[in-house]
Each structure stands twice: as C-alpha cells, then as structure tokens.
Amino acid sequence: MAMLTLRISDDLNDRLTMMAEKTGRTKTWFVKKLIRQGLDDLEEEMLLEIMYKEFVAEGGREAGPGIPQEMLSEYLGRKAMENSVSATSDKGTTKAGSSDAEPNQ
C-alpha cells in the first residue's frame, strides 16, 4: 500500500478530528473515503468530456442550438456499453480485500 503525505489547514484537521471522535473511525478512513468519492466524480466528469469530444469528432453536432437527444443518447449508450465490457474484464485484476469498510487504525 502506498503512503501519501499532505498538509491541510487547521480547520480541516479540526473537522476531521471531530468526525473521527464522534464516529469512532480514523481520520485516515475519512480521507480515503473522500478521495475515492472525489475521484469517482472526476473520472465520470472527464469521461463524459472525452466522450463528447469523440462524439463531435465522429460527426456529431457541437452543442449550440442543441444535439438531438436520440443521437446523443445512442452514442452515450454505445460508449457506456464499451466501458462496461472493459470494466468487467478488468475486475479480475483488482486487489483482493479492498473495501470501504476498513477497521479502525
């Protein structure tokens, strides 16, 4: 497992400390959870941006007066299916025992 060191403001540290004390979880647990959620959101945002650029490059209309819903839905559906197939084939390569439910550290 990799280690990451970062500096945070006293305010953020106080808030993390309070949450850890009130819940019985560690500050590390909260930081990992927040990073996971933030990365999930960023990955989705970036993927949608890439898919939109590919859509336009493949002859789709740029946003302006509007992209016909059927055209965009069909394209996004195809891409989602491709990503789903890719993610399913990658699942066998994940580390065993990774989970959000970490014991207190």
Protein backbone atom coordinates (compact mmCIF):
# COMPACT_ATOMS: atom_id res chain seq x y z
CA MET A 1 0.00 0.00 0.00
CA ALA A 2 1.33 3.46 -0.91
CA MET A 3 1.61 6.31 1.55
CA LEU A 4 0.71 9.92 0.83
CA THR A 5 1.64 12.89 2.99
CA LEU A 6 -0.18 16.21 2.65
CA ARG A 7 -0.63 19.41 4.56
CA ILE A 8 -4.14 20.56 5.44
CA SER A 9 -5.43 23.65 7.20
CA ASP A 10 -6.05 23.58 10.93
CA ASP A 11 -9.76 23.99 10.20
CA LEU A 12 -9.87 20.83 8.05
CA ASN A 13 -7.83 18.93 10.62
CA ASP A 14 -10.21 20.02 13.39
CA ARG A 15 -13.21 18.91 11.34
CA LEU A 16 -11.62 15.53 10.58
CA THR A 17 -10.70 15.07 14.23
CA MET A 18 -14.25 15.87 15.33
CA MET A 19 -15.75 13.40 12.83
CA ALA A 20 -13.28 10.71 13.87
CA GLU A 21 -14.04 11.20 17.57
CA LYS A 22 -17.82 11.24 17.05
CA THR A 23 -17.90 8.17 14.82
CA GLY A 24 -15.08 6.04 16.18
CA ARG A 25 -13.45 5.94 12.75
CA THR A 26 -9.98 7.21 11.92
CA LYS A 27 -9.13 10.40 10.10
CA THR A 28 -7.42 8.19 7.52
CA TRP A 29 -10.69 6.37 6.88
CA PHE A 30 -12.46 9.67 6.15
CA VAL A 31 -9.68 10.99 3.90
CA LYS A 32 -9.63 7.74 1.89
CA LYS A 33 -13.41 7.82 1.52
CA LEU A 34 -13.35 11.45 0.35
CA ILE A 35 -10.57 10.76 -2.14
CA ARG A 36 -12.46 7.75 -3.53
CA GLN A 37 -15.68 9.74 -3.93
CA GLY A 38 -13.86 12.71 -5.43
CA LEU A 39 -12.00 10.51 -7.92
CA ASP A 40 -15.24 8.77 -8.90
CA ASP A 41 -16.81 12.17 -9.62
CA LEU A 42 -13.77 13.44 -11.54
CA GLU A 43 -13.47 10.26 -13.59
CA GLU A 44 -17.12 10.48 -14.58
CA GLU A 45 -16.77 14.16 -15.49
CA MET A 46 -13.61 13.57 -17.52
CA LEU A 47 -15.07 10.52 -19.27
CA LEU A 48 -18.16 12.49 -20.29
CA GLU A 49 -15.97 15.29 -21.62
CA ILE A 50 -13.88 12.82 -23.66
CA MET A 51 -16.98 11.07 -24.95
CA TYR A 52 -18.50 14.40 -26.01
CA LYS A 53 -15.32 15.36 -27.90
CA GLU A 54 -15.31 11.95 -29.63
CA PHE A 55 -18.99 12.41 -30.48
CA VAL A 56 -18.26 15.74 -32.16
CA ALA A 57 -15.12 14.38 -33.89
CA GLU A 58 -17.13 11.45 -35.31
CA GLY A 59 -19.55 13.83 -36.99
CA GLY A 60 -21.94 14.65 -34.16
CA ARG A 61 -23.09 18.24 -33.91
CA GLU A 62 -21.43 20.59 -31.44
CA ALA A 63 -23.61 21.90 -28.69
CA GLY A 64 -25.32 25.02 -29.84
CA PRO A 65 -28.96 25.06 -30.66
CA GLY A 66 -28.91 21.53 -29.31
CA ILE A 67 -27.88 17.99 -30.05
CA PRO A 68 -30.79 15.76 -30.93
CA GLN A 69 -31.49 13.66 -27.82
CA GLU A 70 -31.74 10.40 -29.75
CA MET A 71 -28.37 10.94 -31.41
CA LEU A 72 -26.54 11.73 -28.16
CA SER A 73 -28.34 9.01 -26.18
CA GLU A 74 -27.45 6.39 -28.78
CA TYR A 75 -23.79 7.45 -28.76
CA LEU A 76 -23.53 7.59 -24.96
CA GLY A 77 -25.26 4.22 -24.72
CA ARG A 78 -22.69 2.65 -27.05
CA LYS A 79 -19.82 4.18 -25.06
CA ALA A 80 -21.32 3.09 -21.74
CA MET A 81 -21.63 -0.46 -23.07
CA GLU A 82 -17.99 -0.41 -24.24
CA ASN A 83 -16.86 0.89 -20.84
CA SER A 84 -18.98 -1.67 -19.03
CA VAL A 85 -17.45 -4.52 -21.01
CA SER A 86 -13.98 -3.10 -20.40
CA ALA A 87 -14.60 -2.66 -16.66
CA THR A 88 -15.99 -6.18 -16.35
CA SER A 89 -12.89 -7.68 -17.96
CA ASP A 90 -10.66 -5.58 -15.65
CA LYS A 91 -12.40 -6.75 -12.44
CA GLY A 92 -10.28 -9.86 -12.24
CA THR A 93 -7.18 -7.68 -11.80
CA THR A 94 -8.28 -5.81 -8.66
CA LYS A 95 -6.58 -6.42 -5.34
CA ALA A 96 -8.30 -8.86 -3.03
CA GLY A 97 -9.84 -7.49 0.13
CA SER A 98 -10.18 -3.85 -0.96
CA SER A 99 -13.22 -2.37 0.74
CA ASP A 100 -14.60 0.86 2.14
CA ALA A 101 -15.19 -0.83 5.47
CA GLU A 102 -11.69 -0.56 6.91
CA PRO A 103 -11.02 -1.40 10.52
CA ASN A 104 -10.01 1.40 12.85
CA GLN A 105 -6.35 2.24 12.55
